[in-house]
Amino acid sequence: MTEPRDVKPPRFNHVALSLPAAALDEAGRKEIVEFYADCFGWEEYPTMTEDGKRLVLGARRADQFVFLIAEDEPMTSPRMDHFGMAVASMDDFDVLCDRVRSWTERDDRVDFIDKHVDDQGVVKIWSFYVRHLLPMMLEVQYFDWSPEVREFVEAEASA
């Protein structure tokens, strides 16, 4: 029997969502990329793109991405089903929230739930939700840790 060894815990690296093939044609991909690039800095991986079949958006790191695939029976989900991402600062959170909010003024397909905070004492969790052209909402969060636990959380995150 082998000795147990410490293993870093796995982390999320992608989400895969299915869409109708028409949503992944040239025009559909352009609209998806335009919104998510402008609001979140996501970029298309052109080598992964297949017209009417697949679009992969890099989410600011090579190993974090949103994988969109065409299906005859594409995904549907209730409004509040979502996937999430976190930001490093309240300033970053506000910038992203403002970018999304500005899109609501020019595209009525943007489903936006404005920022709110869940105060749990040791942490205030700020969040907003958005859905645009994808079958699930995206929740953006900022964890505002209290000073007494911030150092511990930051040390854990860098490990």
C-alpha atoms as a PDB file:
ATOM      1  CA  MET A   1       0.000   0.000   0.000  1.00  0.00           C
ATOM      2  CA  THR A   2       1.303   3.448  -0.857  1.00  0.00           C
ATOM      3  CA  GLU A   3       1.649   6.217   1.666  1.00  0.00           C
ATOM      4  CA  PRO A   4      -0.930   9.006   1.409  1.00  0.00           C
ATOM      5  CA  ARG A   5       0.438  12.285   0.185  1.00  0.00           C
ATOM      6  CA  ASP A   6      -0.856  15.807   0.331  1.00  0.00           C
ATOM      7  CA  VAL A   7      -2.674  16.812  -2.815  1.00  0.00           C
ATOM      8  CA  LYS A   8      -3.753  20.336  -3.579  1.00  0.00           C
ATOM      9  CA  PRO A   9      -7.517  20.429  -3.795  1.00  0.00           C
ATOM     10  CA  PRO A  10      -8.943  20.571  -7.305  1.00  0.00           C
ATOM     11  CA  ARG A  11     -10.467  23.806  -8.500  1.00  0.00           C
ATOM     12  CA  PHE A  12     -13.124  24.598 -11.038  1.00  0.00           C
ATOM     13  CA  ASN A  13     -11.768  25.385 -14.460  1.00  0.00           C
ATOM     14  CA  HIS A  14     -14.710  25.440 -16.868  1.00  0.00           C
ATOM     15  CA  VAL A  15     -18.430  25.243 -17.453  1.00  0.00           C
ATOM     16  CA  ALA A  16     -20.019  23.655 -20.532  1.00  0.00           C
ATOM     17  CA  LEU A  17     -23.404  24.803 -21.815  1.00  0.00           C
ATOM     18  CA  SER A  18     -25.395  23.645 -24.819  1.00  0.00           C
ATOM     19  CA  LEU A  19     -27.102  26.003 -27.254  1.00  0.00           C
ATOM     20  CA  PRO A  20     -29.046  25.637 -30.494  1.00  0.00           C
ATOM     21  CA  ALA A  21     -26.697  25.376 -33.491  1.00  0.00           C
ATOM     22  CA  ALA A  22     -28.034  28.677 -34.894  1.00  0.00           C
ATOM     23  CA  ALA A  23     -26.751  30.489 -31.789  1.00  0.00           C
ATOM     24  CA  LEU A  24     -23.247  29.341 -32.709  1.00  0.00           C
ATOM     25  CA  ASP A  25     -23.252  30.440 -36.338  1.00  0.00           C
ATOM     26  CA  GLU A  26     -20.997  33.352 -37.295  1.00  0.00           C
ATOM     27  CA  ALA A  27     -23.495  36.059 -36.294  1.00  0.00           C
ATOM     28  CA  GLY A  28     -24.471  34.343 -33.022  1.00  0.00           C
ATOM     29  CA  ARG A  29     -20.865  33.798 -31.989  1.00  0.00           C
ATOM     30  CA  LYS A  30     -20.078  37.429 -32.751  1.00  0.00           C
ATOM     31  CA  GLU A  31     -22.855  38.628 -30.429  1.00  0.00           C
ATOM     32  CA  ILE A  32     -21.822  36.267 -27.625  1.00  0.00           C
ATOM     33  CA  VAL A  33     -18.154  37.217 -27.889  1.00  0.00           C
ATOM     34  CA  GLU A  34     -18.917  40.942 -28.076  1.00  0.00           C
ATOM     35  CA  PHE A  35     -20.891  40.956 -24.819  1.00  0.00           C
ATOM     36  CA  TYR A  36     -18.651  38.676 -22.733  1.00  0.00           C
ATOM     37  CA  ALA A  37     -15.432  40.267 -24.027  1.00  0.00           C
ATOM     38  CA  ASP A  38     -16.678  43.776 -23.314  1.00  0.00           C
ATOM     39  CA  CYS A  39     -18.054  42.987 -19.869  1.00  0.00           C
ATOM     40  CA  PHE A  40     -15.617  40.368 -18.577  1.00  0.00           C
ATOM     41  CA  GLY A  41     -12.597  40.269 -20.886  1.00  0.00           C
ATOM     42  CA  TRP A  42     -13.367  36.763 -22.138  1.00  0.00           C
ATOM     43  CA  GLU A  43     -11.780  35.877 -25.459  1.00  0.00           C
ATOM     44  CA  GLU A  44     -12.689  33.397 -28.146  1.00  0.00           C
ATOM     45  CA  TYR A  45     -10.255  30.523 -28.660  1.00  0.00           C
ATOM     46  CA  PRO A  46     -10.463  30.608 -32.471  1.00  0.00           C
ATOM     47  CA  THR A  47      -8.650  27.299 -32.869  1.00  0.00           C
ATOM     48  CA  MET A  48     -11.504  25.660 -30.931  1.00  0.00           C
ATOM     49  CA  THR A  49     -14.333  27.345 -32.893  1.00  0.00           C
ATOM     50  CA  GLU A  50     -16.446  25.214 -35.220  1.00  0.00           C
ATOM     51  CA  ASP A  51     -19.130  27.132 -37.094  1.00  0.00           C
ATOM     52  CA  GLY A  52     -22.563  26.148 -35.810  1.00  0.00           C
ATOM     53  CA  LYS A  53     -21.035  23.601 -33.437  1.00  0.00           C
ATOM     54  CA  ARG A  54     -18.684  25.043 -30.815  1.00  0.00           C
ATOM     55  CA  LEU A  55     -17.382  28.234 -29.226  1.00  0.00           C
ATOM     56  CA  VAL A  56     -14.864  28.310 -26.388  1.00  0.00           C
ATOM     57  CA  LEU A  57     -14.342  31.520 -24.425  1.00  0.00           C
ATOM     58  CA  GLY A  58     -11.227  31.894 -22.319  1.00  0.00           C
ATOM     59  CA  ALA A  59     -12.113  33.458 -18.980  1.00  0.00           C
ATOM     60  CA  ARG A  60      -8.909  35.451 -18.374  1.00  0.00           C
ATOM     61  CA  ARG A  61      -6.687  32.366 -17.887  1.00  0.00           C
ATOM     62  CA  ALA A  62      -5.742  29.625 -20.322  1.00  0.00           C
ATOM     63  CA  ASP A  63      -7.173  26.960 -18.035  1.00  0.00           C
ATOM     64  CA  GLN A  64     -10.464  28.726 -17.233  1.00  0.00           C
ATOM     65  CA  PHE A  65     -13.075  28.762 -19.948  1.00  0.00           C
ATOM     66  CA  VAL A  66     -16.714  28.598 -20.983  1.00  0.00           C
ATOM     67  CA  PHE A  67     -17.377  25.779 -23.447  1.00  0.00           C
ATOM     68  CA  LEU A  68     -20.435  26.315 -25.648  1.00  0.00           C
ATOM     69  CA  ILE A  69     -21.604  23.373 -27.718  1.00  0.00           C
ATOM     70  CA  ALA A  70     -24.478  22.943 -30.173  1.00  0.00           C
ATOM     71  CA  GLU A  71     -27.098  20.339 -29.312  1.00  0.00           C
ATOM     72  CA  ASP A  72     -30.362  19.315 -30.943  1.00  0.00           C
ATOM     73  CA  GLU A  73     -31.964  19.575 -27.514  1.00  0.00           C
ATOM     74  CA  PRO A  74     -30.072  22.506 -25.944  1.00  0.00           C
ATOM     75  CA  MET A  75     -29.964  23.274 -22.267  1.00  0.00           C
ATOM     76  CA  THR A  76     -32.688  25.275 -20.603  1.00  0.00           C
ATOM     77  CA  SER A  77     -32.616  26.364 -16.997  1.00  0.00           C
ATOM     78  CA  PRO A  78     -34.705  28.300 -14.504  1.00  0.00           C
ATOM     79  CA  ARG A  79     -33.746  31.956 -14.212  1.00  0.00           C
ATOM     80  CA  MET A  80     -31.692  31.633 -11.029  1.00  0.00           C
ATOM     81  CA  ASP A  81     -29.668  28.566 -12.023  1.00  0.00           C
ATOM     82  CA  HIS A  82     -26.182  29.971 -12.473  1.00  0.00           C
ATOM     83  CA  PHE A  83     -22.439  29.521 -12.468  1.00  0.00           C
ATOM     84  CA  GLY A  84     -20.155  31.951 -10.707  1.00  0.00           C
ATOM     85  CA  MET A  85     -16.882  33.766 -10.718  1.00  0.00           C
ATOM     86  CA  ALA A  86     -15.189  35.888  -8.096  1.00  0.00           C
ATOM     87  CA  VAL A  87     -13.235  39.114  -8.380  1.00  0.00           C
ATOM     88  CA  ALA A  88     -10.316  40.315  -6.278  1.00  0.00           C
ATOM     89  CA  SER A  89     -11.554  43.734  -5.175  1.00  0.00           C
ATOM     90  CA  MET A  90     -14.646  45.855  -4.710  1.00  0.00           C
ATOM     91  CA  ASP A  91     -13.312  48.218  -7.376  1.00  0.00           C
ATOM     92  CA  ASP A  92     -13.126  45.312  -9.862  1.00  0.00           C
ATOM     93  CA  PHE A  93     -16.632  44.255  -8.868  1.00  0.00           C
ATOM     94  CA  ASP A  94     -18.029  47.754  -9.458  1.00  0.00           C
ATOM     95  CA  VAL A  95     -16.326  48.083 -12.845  1.00  0.00           C
ATOM     96  CA  LEU A  96     -17.808  44.798 -14.075  1.00  0.00           C
ATOM     97  CA  CYS A  97     -21.227  45.622 -12.650  1.00  0.00           C
ATOM     98  CA  ASP A  98     -21.192  49.014 -14.393  1.00  0.00           C
ATOM     99  CA  ARG A  99     -20.187  47.424 -17.714  1.00  0.00           C
ATOM    100  CA  VAL A 100     -23.085  44.976 -17.525  1.00  0.00           C
ATOM    101  CA  ARG A 101     -25.510  47.689 -16.426  1.00  0.00           C
ATOM    102  CA  SER A 102     -24.533  49.794 -19.462  1.00  0.00           C
ATOM    103  CA  TRP A 103     -25.424  46.866 -21.732  1.00  0.00           C
ATOM    104  CA  THR A 104     -28.965  46.801 -20.331  1.00  0.00           C
ATOM    105  CA  GLU A 105     -29.470  50.226 -21.893  1.00  0.00           C
ATOM    106  CA  ARG A 106     -28.571  49.037 -25.402  1.00  0.00           C
ATOM    107  CA  ASP A 107     -29.729  45.399 -25.505  1.00  0.00           C
ATOM    108  CA  ASP A 108     -33.032  44.317 -23.996  1.00  0.00           C
ATOM    109  CA  ARG A 109     -31.923  40.667 -24.059  1.00  0.00           C
ATOM    110  CA  VAL A 110     -29.618  41.328 -21.087  1.00  0.00           C
ATOM    111  CA  ASP A 111     -31.197  39.891 -17.930  1.00  0.00           C
ATOM    112  CA  PHE A 112     -29.531  41.730 -15.045  1.00  0.00           C
ATOM    113  CA  ILE A 113     -29.998  41.550 -11.290  1.00  0.00           C
ATOM    114  CA  ASP A 114     -28.174  44.517  -9.801  1.00  0.00           C
ATOM    115  CA  LYS A 115     -25.643  44.270  -7.006  1.00  0.00           C
ATOM    116  CA  HIS A 116     -26.625  43.343  -3.503  1.00  0.00           C
ATOM    117  CA  VAL A 117     -24.783  42.224  -0.372  1.00  0.00           C
ATOM    118  CA  ASP A 118     -25.238  39.261   1.945  1.00  0.00           C
ATOM    119  CA  ASP A 119     -23.651  40.294   5.279  1.00  0.00           C
ATOM    120  CA  GLN A 120     -22.611  37.180   7.181  1.00  0.00           C
ATOM    121  CA  GLY A 121     -20.523  38.918   9.824  1.00  0.00           C
ATOM    122  CA  VAL A 122     -17.049  37.624   8.996  1.00  0.00           C
ATOM    123  CA  VAL A 123     -17.684  38.181   5.303  1.00  0.00           C
ATOM    124  CA  LYS A 124     -19.865  40.413   3.183  1.00  0.00           C
ATOM    125  CA  ILE A 125     -20.608  38.702  -0.115  1.00  0.00           C
ATOM    126  CA  TRP A 126     -21.372  41.207  -2.841  1.00  0.00           C
ATOM    127  CA  SER A 127     -22.947  39.827  -6.006  1.00  0.00           C
ATOM    128  CA  PHE A 128     -24.793  40.592  -9.199  1.00  0.00           C
ATOM    129  CA  TYR A 129     -26.273  38.287 -11.824  1.00  0.00           C
ATOM    130  CA  VAL A 130     -26.441  38.492 -15.598  1.00  0.00           C
ATOM    131  CA  ARG A 131     -27.659  36.338 -18.451  1.00  0.00           C
ATOM    132  CA  HIS A 132     -27.130  37.242 -22.086  1.00  0.00           C
ATOM    133  CA  LEU A 133     -27.520  34.769 -24.948  1.00  0.00           C
ATOM    134  CA  LEU A 134     -26.516  31.808 -22.749  1.00  0.00           C
ATOM    135  CA  PRO A 135     -28.894  29.387 -21.023  1.00  0.00           C
ATOM    136  CA  MET A 136     -27.628  30.141 -17.516  1.00  0.00           C
ATOM    137  CA  MET A 137     -27.050  33.208 -15.385  1.00  0.00           C
ATOM    138  CA  LEU A 138     -23.542  34.209 -14.385  1.00  0.00           C
ATOM    139  CA  GLU A 139     -23.093  35.389 -10.802  1.00  0.00           C
ATOM    140  CA  VAL A 140     -20.159  37.690 -10.077  1.00  0.00           C
ATOM    141  CA  GLN A 141     -19.083  37.874  -6.448  1.00  0.00           C
ATOM    142  CA  TYR A 142     -16.687  39.811  -4.284  1.00  0.00           C
ATOM    143  CA  PHE A 143     -15.891  38.403  -0.831  1.00  0.00           C
ATOM    144  CA  ASP A 144     -15.246  41.304   1.534  1.00  0.00           C
ATOM    145  CA  TRP A 145     -13.618  39.524   4.474  1.00  0.00           C
ATOM    146  CA  SER A 146     -13.466  41.089   7.905  1.00  0.00           C
ATOM    147  CA  PRO A 147      -9.950  42.144   8.971  1.00  0.00           C
ATOM    148  CA  GLU A 148      -9.671  39.345  11.538  1.00  0.00           C
ATOM    149  CA  VAL A 149      -9.994  36.603   8.891  1.00  0.00           C
ATOM    150  CA  ARG A 150      -8.662  38.351   5.763  1.00  0.00           C
ATOM    151  CA  GLU A 151      -5.029  37.362   6.395  1.00  0.00           C
ATOM    152  CA  PHE A 152      -5.979  33.697   6.866  1.00  0.00           C
ATOM    153  CA  VAL A 153      -8.107  33.648   3.701  1.00  0.00           C
ATOM    154  CA  GLU A 154      -5.430  35.350   1.620  1.00  0.00           C
ATOM    155  CA  ALA A 155      -2.764  32.913   2.850  1.00  0.00           C
ATOM    156  CA  GLU A 156      -5.025  29.969   2.021  1.00  0.00           C
ATOM    157  CA  ALA A 157      -5.699  31.346  -1.466  1.00  0.00           C
ATOM    158  CA  SER A 158      -1.998  31.678  -2.273  1.00  0.00           C
ATOM    159  CA  ALA A 159      -1.171  28.136  -1.114  1.00  0.00           C
END
